[in-house]
């Protein structure tokens, strides 16, 4: 009986090992700021990087000027795509390639959904406004530099070769025994190409590292909606805000290890704002358009940036001018902070410190084939 148990354990361990051998772990998922925070201008940065999100994330922000030491703003975000297994997902499809053809809209399916609870103060009455918001975001479009395609295909071929061996790689590329007999020159050509790709990939970077390469250009779309309650009274529920925006990100890669970037952002946002008060103390709705940009330097785990956003409407124009930082403590934990001027005339100092925490579902893997 002991021998039987031993055989079963060995077989199961081999099956698990083989199941893991033909996959790579996807490690480029971000922990972005919730659209609910961005909608209410309570975020460390109102201009976020378009990228894939982790399966689940929690964001906590605290205004340092309040001095009570206990955070009041929370947000959670889900990426439904990562809560399901995708048997046909391979490394090329994940990054946006169908064979050798680039699919520019492939990331739309990885949309995320979020909810946020944000407490603010009514500047006229001093009463607490409890804001509840929901939002969604996705990467609408992305394109990689021309050199990326060749690097990706070589790294994928090299990884397949490392996992399956030369015989399987030759077979995959069409170098069969029949071809070796009928056309030895063609067979030799394929074999040389494979071995060259493997050698070059060793000298450059692994497939996992290549998959972390940021797109040259990415366009993100987001929408968020909120209601607010006065002093926690449900009967006072009112329309808060509705925002629809798009963010464009242009990336300059500064090193071969994909750890240093110079990021340029542009954002355009439509905002319907119901948080305004007139002289009589009544809330009214106001429509605005936001336009702005951000410059960000990213150095491995640390990034620092500056953003400026102009808000225009029929009544008044205002702006947001903020410096922000982000530090990657680990794969699943980020520290974020900001200091500067927010929209509006009164109580518009931004002094924030917060954490973004994320977890994976275990389905963030792609086959190598």
Protein backbone atom coordinates (compact mmCIF):
# COMPACT_ATOMS: atom_id res chain seq x y z
CA UNK A 1 0.00 0.00 0.00
CA UNK A 2 2.87 2.37 0.81
CA UNK A 3 4.34 1.73 -2.62
CA UNK A 4 0.99 2.58 -4.21
CA UNK A 5 0.82 5.87 -2.31
CA UNK A 6 4.38 6.63 -3.34
CA UNK A 7 3.60 5.99 -7.02
CA UNK A 8 0.49 8.23 -6.86
CA UNK A 9 2.47 11.05 -5.21
CA UNK A 10 5.22 10.79 -7.83
CA UNK A 11 2.70 10.83 -10.71
CA UNK A 12 0.83 13.79 -9.27
CA UNK A 13 4.03 15.74 -8.69
CA UNK A 14 5.14 15.02 -12.25
CA UNK A 15 1.78 16.12 -13.61
CA UNK A 16 1.97 19.35 -11.63
CA UNK A 17 5.52 19.96 -12.80
CA UNK A 18 4.64 19.38 -16.43
CA UNK A 19 1.57 21.59 -16.10
CA UNK A 20 3.78 24.41 -14.89
CA UNK A 21 6.60 23.86 -17.37
CA UNK A 22 4.69 25.05 -20.42
CA UNK A 23 3.55 28.35 -18.88
CA UNK A 24 5.04 31.68 -17.89
CA UNK A 25 3.82 33.83 -15.04
CA UNK A 26 2.54 37.28 -16.08
CA UNK A 27 4.08 39.88 -13.80
CA UNK A 28 3.32 43.23 -15.46
CA UNK A 29 -0.07 43.81 -13.80
CA UNK A 30 -0.44 47.19 -12.09
CA UNK A 31 -2.34 48.33 -9.00
CA UNK A 32 -3.94 51.51 -10.37
CA UNK A 33 -5.81 54.23 -8.54
CA UNK A 34 -9.57 53.66 -8.55
CA UNK A 35 -11.61 55.76 -11.04
CA UNK A 36 -13.79 56.65 -8.02
CA UNK A 37 -10.86 58.45 -6.39
CA UNK A 38 -10.00 60.18 -9.66
CA UNK A 39 -13.63 61.26 -10.23
CA UNK A 40 -13.73 63.16 -6.95
CA UNK A 41 -10.20 64.60 -7.29
CA UNK A 42 -9.14 62.75 -4.14
CA UNK A 43 -6.32 60.73 -5.75
CA UNK A 44 -2.57 61.10 -5.56
CA UNK A 45 -2.65 61.29 -9.36
CA UNK A 46 -5.60 62.13 -11.60
CA UNK A 47 -3.72 60.78 -14.63
CA UNK A 48 -3.20 57.02 -14.49
CA UNK A 49 -1.07 54.71 -16.62
CA UNK A 50 -3.16 52.57 -19.01
CA UNK A 51 -2.19 48.97 -18.27
CA UNK A 52 -3.47 45.57 -17.16
CA UNK A 53 -4.73 45.50 -13.56
CA UNK A 54 -4.33 42.80 -10.96
CA UNK A 55 -7.30 40.53 -10.22
CA UNK A 56 -8.13 42.44 -7.04
CA UNK A 57 -6.75 45.58 -5.43
CA UNK A 58 -7.42 47.75 -2.41
CA UNK A 59 -6.49 51.43 -2.21
CA UNK A 60 -6.33 53.49 0.98
CA UNK A 61 -5.66 57.24 0.97
CA UNK A 62 -5.23 59.62 3.86
CA UNK A 63 -5.05 63.42 3.79
CA UNK A 64 -2.03 64.35 5.91
CA UNK A 65 -3.52 67.78 6.65
CA UNK A 66 -6.36 66.21 8.65
CA UNK A 67 -3.90 65.05 11.28
CA UNK A 68 -6.14 62.33 12.73
CA UNK A 69 -3.95 59.51 11.43
CA UNK A 70 -6.92 57.33 10.41
CA UNK A 71 -7.69 56.97 6.67
CA UNK A 72 -11.21 57.76 5.51
CA UNK A 73 -10.99 56.97 1.82
CA UNK A 74 -11.06 53.40 0.48
CA UNK A 75 -11.48 51.76 -2.91
CA UNK A 76 -11.57 48.22 -4.28
CA UNK A 77 -11.06 47.17 -7.88
CA UNK A 78 -11.71 43.88 -9.68
CA UNK A 79 -10.54 42.62 -13.05
CA UNK A 80 -13.10 39.91 -13.96
CA UNK A 81 -10.89 38.49 -16.73
CA UNK A 82 -8.39 37.14 -14.19
CA UNK A 83 -11.02 35.32 -12.12
CA UNK A 84 -11.50 32.77 -14.90
CA UNK A 85 -9.07 30.26 -16.39
CA UNK A 86 -8.18 30.78 -20.04
CA UNK A 87 -6.98 27.50 -21.51
CA UNK A 88 -6.25 29.04 -24.90
CA UNK A 89 -4.27 31.95 -23.49
CA UNK A 90 -0.66 31.92 -24.60
CA UNK A 91 2.13 34.41 -24.19
CA UNK A 92 1.63 35.98 -27.63
CA UNK A 93 -2.14 36.38 -27.25
CA UNK A 94 -1.73 37.97 -23.84
CA UNK A 95 0.61 40.66 -25.10
CA UNK A 96 -1.62 41.29 -28.12
CA UNK A 97 -0.32 39.12 -30.96
CA UNK A 98 -2.21 36.52 -32.95
CA UNK A 99 0.70 34.56 -34.36
CA UNK A 100 2.83 37.31 -35.86
CA UNK A 101 -0.06 39.79 -36.30
CA UNK A 102 -0.42 42.50 -33.68
CA UNK A 103 -3.92 42.95 -32.23
CA UNK A 104 -4.12 46.58 -31.15
CA UNK A 105 -7.44 46.24 -29.23
CA UNK A 106 -6.63 42.99 -27.41
CA UNK A 107 -6.61 44.53 -23.90
CA UNK A 108 -10.24 45.72 -23.96
CA UNK A 109 -11.36 42.38 -22.50
CA UNK A 110 -9.23 43.01 -19.39
CA UNK A 111 -11.47 45.84 -18.16
CA UNK A 112 -11.64 46.46 -14.42
CA UNK A 113 -14.59 47.45 -12.21
CA UNK A 114 -14.22 49.47 -9.03
CA UNK A 115 -16.09 50.96 -6.08
CA UNK A 116 -14.92 53.67 -3.70
CA UNK A 117 -15.97 55.33 -0.45
CA UNK A 118 -14.70 58.90 -0.02
CA UNK A 119 -15.48 61.32 2.78
CA UNK A 120 -15.17 65.05 2.10
CA UNK A 121 -16.28 68.26 3.78
CA UNK A 122 -18.89 70.73 2.52
CA UNK A 123 -16.89 73.98 2.46
CA UNK A 124 -20.01 76.08 3.27
CA UNK A 125 -21.66 74.08 6.07
CA UNK A 126 -18.75 72.00 7.33
CA UNK A 127 -20.90 68.89 7.17
CA UNK A 128 -19.44 65.56 6.07
CA UNK A 129 -20.27 64.35 2.58
CA UNK A 130 -20.15 60.56 2.25
CA UNK A 131 -19.43 59.82 -1.41
CA UNK A 132 -20.01 56.37 -2.89
CA UNK A 133 -18.74 55.87 -6.42
CA UNK A 134 -18.48 53.09 -8.98
CA UNK A 135 -16.28 53.04 -12.05
CA UNK A 136 -14.76 51.02 -14.85
CA UNK A 137 -11.67 51.32 -17.00
CA UNK A 138 -9.90 49.48 -19.79
CA UNK A 139 -7.08 49.89 -22.28
CA UNK A 140 -8.78 50.68 -25.58
CA UNK A 141 -5.75 50.60 -27.84
CA UNK A 142 -2.04 49.87 -27.58
CA UNK A 143 0.86 49.60 -29.98
CA UNK A 144 4.43 48.41 -29.45
CA UNK A 145 7.60 49.69 -31.15
CA UNK A 146 8.60 47.94 -34.38
CA UNK A 147 11.58 46.22 -32.78
CA UNK A 148 9.37 44.59 -30.13
CA UNK A 149 7.73 42.04 -32.43
CA UNK A 150 11.02 40.38 -33.41
CA UNK A 151 12.22 40.37 -29.81
CA UNK A 152 8.94 38.81 -28.61
CA UNK A 153 8.92 36.06 -31.24
CA UNK A 154 12.55 35.18 -30.55
CA UNK A 155 11.99 35.06 -26.79
CA UNK A 156 8.88 32.92 -27.23
CA UNK A 157 10.72 30.51 -29.54
CA UNK A 158 13.66 30.32 -27.13
CA UNK A 159 11.36 29.64 -24.17
CA UNK A 160 9.56 26.91 -26.10
CA UNK A 161 12.94 25.39 -26.99
CA UNK A 162 14.04 25.47 -23.36
CA UNK A 163 10.83 23.80 -22.21
CA UNK A 164 10.34 21.22 -24.96
CA UNK A 165 13.81 20.63 -26.36
CA UNK A 166 15.26 20.96 -29.84
CA UNK A 167 13.28 18.09 -31.39
CA UNK A 168 9.89 19.59 -30.46
CA UNK A 169 11.00 23.06 -31.54
CA UNK A 170 12.16 21.80 -34.93
CA UNK A 171 8.85 20.01 -35.40
CA UNK A 172 6.89 23.14 -34.46
CA UNK A 173 8.80 25.21 -37.00
CA UNK A 174 8.27 22.64 -39.77
CA UNK A 175 11.69 20.97 -39.69
CA UNK A 176 10.43 17.36 -39.80
CA UNK A 177 12.35 14.19 -40.60
CA UNK A 178 10.73 14.20 -44.04
CA UNK A 179 12.01 17.73 -44.70
CA UNK A 180 15.51 16.74 -43.58
CA UNK A 181 15.55 14.02 -46.27
CA UNK A 182 13.77 15.91 -49.04
CA UNK A 183 15.27 19.35 -48.47
CA UNK A 184 18.29 19.25 -46.12
CA UNK A 185 19.19 22.88 -46.90
CA UNK A 186 15.77 24.11 -45.76
CA UNK A 187 16.00 21.90 -42.66
CA UNK A 188 19.43 23.35 -41.85
CA UNK A 189 18.11 26.87 -42.38
CA UNK A 190 15.31 26.35 -39.83
CA UNK A 191 17.66 24.69 -37.36
CA UNK A 192 20.14 27.57 -37.63
CA UNK A 193 17.36 30.14 -37.16
CA UNK A 194 16.14 28.39 -34.01
CA UNK A 195 19.59 28.07 -32.46
CA UNK A 196 20.39 31.70 -33.31
CA UNK A 197 17.13 32.90 -31.73
CA UNK A 198 17.86 30.87 -28.60
CA UNK A 199 21.38 32.27 -28.31
CA UNK A 200 20.26 35.86 -28.93
CA UNK A 201 17.46 35.52 -26.41
CA UNK A 202 19.96 34.38 -23.77
CA UNK A 203 22.01 37.49 -24.42
CA UNK A 204 19.00 39.84 -24.35
CA UNK A 205 16.16 38.87 -22.01
CA UNK A 206 13.78 36.10 -21.01
CA UNK A 207 10.21 35.83 -22.23
CA UNK A 208 8.89 36.92 -18.83
CA UNK A 209 10.98 40.07 -19.04
CA UNK A 210 9.92 40.79 -22.63
CA UNK A 211 6.26 40.46 -21.61
CA UNK A 212 6.79 43.28 -19.09
CA UNK A 213 7.71 45.71 -21.88
CA UNK A 214 5.37 48.70 -21.88
CA UNK A 215 3.63 49.67 -25.13
CA UNK A 216 5.04 52.60 -27.07
CA UNK A 217 1.55 54.11 -27.16
CA UNK A 218 -1.55 53.20 -25.12
CA UNK A 219 -5.02 54.75 -24.91
CA UNK A 220 -7.14 54.15 -21.83
CA UNK A 221 -10.87 54.80 -21.36
CA UNK A 222 -12.66 55.20 -18.02
CA UNK A 223 -16.07 56.12 -16.61
CA UNK A 224 -17.20 56.73 -13.02
CA UNK A 225 -20.41 57.78 -11.25
CA UNK A 226 -21.06 58.84 -7.67
CA UNK A 227 -23.82 59.69 -5.20
CA UNK A 228 -23.30 61.48 -1.91
CA UNK A 229 -25.01 61.52 1.48
CA UNK A 230 -24.92 64.31 4.07
CA UNK A 231 -23.63 63.27 7.50
CA UNK A 232 -24.36 59.62 6.78
CA UNK A 233 -28.12 60.15 6.32
CA UNK A 234 -29.41 57.90 3.51
CA UNK A 235 -32.48 60.10 2.95
CA UNK A 236 -30.20 62.92 1.77
CA UNK A 237 -28.83 60.92 -1.18
CA UNK A 238 -28.04 63.15 -4.18
CA UNK A 239 -26.28 62.95 -7.51
CA UNK A 240 -22.59 63.55 -7.04
CA UNK A 241 -20.57 63.34 -10.23
CA UNK A 242 -20.37 61.61 -13.57
CA UNK A 243 -17.07 61.53 -15.42
CA UNK A 244 -15.96 60.06 -18.73
CA UNK A 245 -12.33 60.37 -19.73
CA UNK A 246 -9.55 59.05 -21.88
CA UNK A 247 -5.82 58.95 -21.20
CA UNK A 248 -3.04 58.69 -23.78
CA UNK A 249 0.35 57.39 -22.67
CA UNK A 250 3.54 57.71 -24.73
CA UNK A 251 6.48 55.72 -23.37
CA UNK A 252 10.22 56.02 -23.95
CA UNK A 253 12.10 52.94 -22.76
CA UNK A 254 15.41 53.98 -21.18
CA UNK A 255 17.09 50.58 -20.76
CA UNK A 256 17.07 47.00 -22.07
CA UNK A 257 15.95 45.53 -18.75
CA UNK A 258 12.53 47.25 -19.04
CA UNK A 259 12.90 48.94 -15.65
CA UNK A 260 13.40 52.61 -16.58
CA UNK A 261 10.91 54.71 -18.54
CA UNK A 262 10.05 58.28 -19.36
CA UNK A 263 6.27 58.60 -19.58
CA UNK A 264 4.25 61.35 -21.24
CA UNK A 265 0.50 61.50 -20.58
CA UNK A 266 -2.41 63.51 -21.97
CA UNK A 267 -5.94 63.40 -20.57
CA UNK A 268 -9.33 64.69 -21.68
CA UNK A 269 -12.38 64.42 -19.40
CA UNK A 270 -16.07 65.33 -19.46
CA UNK A 271 -17.40 65.99 -15.95
CA UNK A 272 -20.95 66.54 -14.76
CA UNK A 273 -20.63 67.86 -11.20
CA UNK A 274 -23.54 67.95 -8.72
CA UNK A 275 -21.43 68.90 -5.69
CA UNK A 276 -21.69 72.66 -6.26
CA UNK A 277 -23.63 75.01 -3.92
CA UNK A 278 -25.26 78.34 -4.80
CA UNK A 279 -25.63 81.34 -2.46
CA UNK A 280 -28.92 79.95 -1.15
CA UNK A 281 -27.22 76.71 -0.14
CA UNK A 282 -28.85 74.56 -2.81
CA UNK A 283 -26.87 72.01 -4.80
CA UNK A 284 -26.75 72.43 -8.58
CA UNK A 285 -25.22 70.60 -11.52
CA UNK A 286 -22.37 72.02 -13.55
CA UNK A 287 -20.68 70.58 -16.65
CA UNK A 288 -16.95 70.94 -17.21
CA UNK A 289 -14.19 69.84 -19.54
CA UNK A 290 -10.75 68.87 -18.23
CA UNK A 291 -7.57 68.89 -20.31
CA UNK A 292 -4.06 68.28 -19.09
CA UNK A 293 -0.88 66.29 -19.07
CA UNK A 294 1.72 64.60 -16.94
CA UNK A 295 5.45 63.92 -17.13
CA UNK A 296 6.75 60.94 -15.17
CA UNK A 297 10.18 59.41 -14.66
CA UNK A 298 10.11 55.75 -13.69
CA UNK A 299 13.25 54.18 -12.24
CA UNK A 300 12.76 50.51 -11.29
CA UNK A 301 10.63 50.56 -8.13
CA UNK A 302 10.39 54.35 -7.85
CA UNK A 303 8.59 56.90 -10.01
CA UNK A 304 8.13 60.64 -9.66
CA UNK A 305 5.90 62.87 -11.76
CA UNK A 306 4.18 66.20 -12.17
CA UNK A 307 0.68 66.76 -13.58
CA UNK A 308 -1.28 69.82 -14.60
CA UNK A 309 -5.00 69.74 -15.48
CA UNK A 310 -7.12 72.72 -16.54
CA UNK A 311 -10.87 72.59 -15.77
CA UNK A 312 -13.14 74.85 -17.84
CA UNK A 313 -16.89 75.56 -17.61
CA UNK A 314 -19.33 78.43 -18.19
CA UNK A 315 -18.97 79.76 -14.63
CA UNK A 316 -15.26 79.62 -13.82
CA UNK A 317 -11.96 78.06 -14.75
CA UNK A 318 -9.65 76.36 -12.30
CA UNK A 319 -6.69 74.01 -12.38
CA UNK A 320 -4.89 71.19 -10.55
CA UNK A 321 -1.11 71.31 -10.18
CA UNK A 322 0.35 68.34 -8.33
CA UNK A 323 3.63 66.52 -7.84
CA UNK A 324 3.28 62.84 -7.10
CA UNK A 325 5.41 59.84 -6.28
CA UNK A 326 5.00 56.09 -6.30
CA UNK A 327 7.20 53.46 -4.67
CA UNK A 328 6.91 49.75 -5.35
CA UNK A 329 7.52 48.03 -2.02
CA UNK A 330 6.79 44.60 -3.51
CA UNK A 331 4.91 43.04 -6.43
CA UNK A 332 1.67 43.47 -4.50
CA UNK A 333 2.21 46.65 -2.48
CA UNK A 334 2.73 50.27 -3.59
CA UNK A 335 3.19 53.45 -1.58
CA UNK A 336 1.75 56.60 -3.21
CA UNK A 337 1.91 60.25 -2.27
CA UNK A 338 1.10 63.71 -3.63
CA UNK A 339 1.54 67.38 -2.80
CA UNK A 340 0.18 70.45 -4.58
CA UNK A 341 -2.91 72.45 -5.49
CA UNK A 342 -6.28 70.87 -6.25
CA UNK A 343 -9.21 72.32 -8.24
CA UNK A 344 -11.22 75.12 -6.63
CA UNK A 345 -10.43 78.19 -4.57
CA UNK A 346 -10.86 77.10 -0.94
CA UNK A 347 -9.41 74.10 0.94
CA UNK A 348 -7.54 73.09 -2.21
CA UNK A 349 -4.25 71.87 -0.75
CA UNK A 350 -3.37 68.30 -1.70
CA UNK A 351 -1.19 66.46 0.80
CA UNK A 352 -1.84 62.75 0.48
CA UNK A 353 -0.19 59.51 1.48
CA UNK A 354 -1.63 56.10 0.75
CA UNK A 355 -1.10 52.48 -0.16
CA UNK A 356 -2.31 50.35 -3.05
CA UNK A 357 -2.43 46.63 -2.30
CA UNK A 358 -3.22 43.97 -4.87
CA UNK A 359 -3.48 40.19 -5.16
CA UNK A 360 -3.47 37.77 -8.06
CA UNK A 361 -6.10 35.10 -8.67
CA UNK A 362 -3.58 32.46 -9.79
CA UNK A 363 -4.84 32.55 -13.38
CA UNK A 364 -2.23 35.08 -14.51
CA UNK A 365 -0.34 32.53 -16.60
CA UNK A 366 0.15 32.06 -20.33
CA UNK A 367 1.18 29.00 -22.29
CA UNK A 368 4.35 28.92 -24.30
CA UNK A 369 3.53 27.49 -27.72
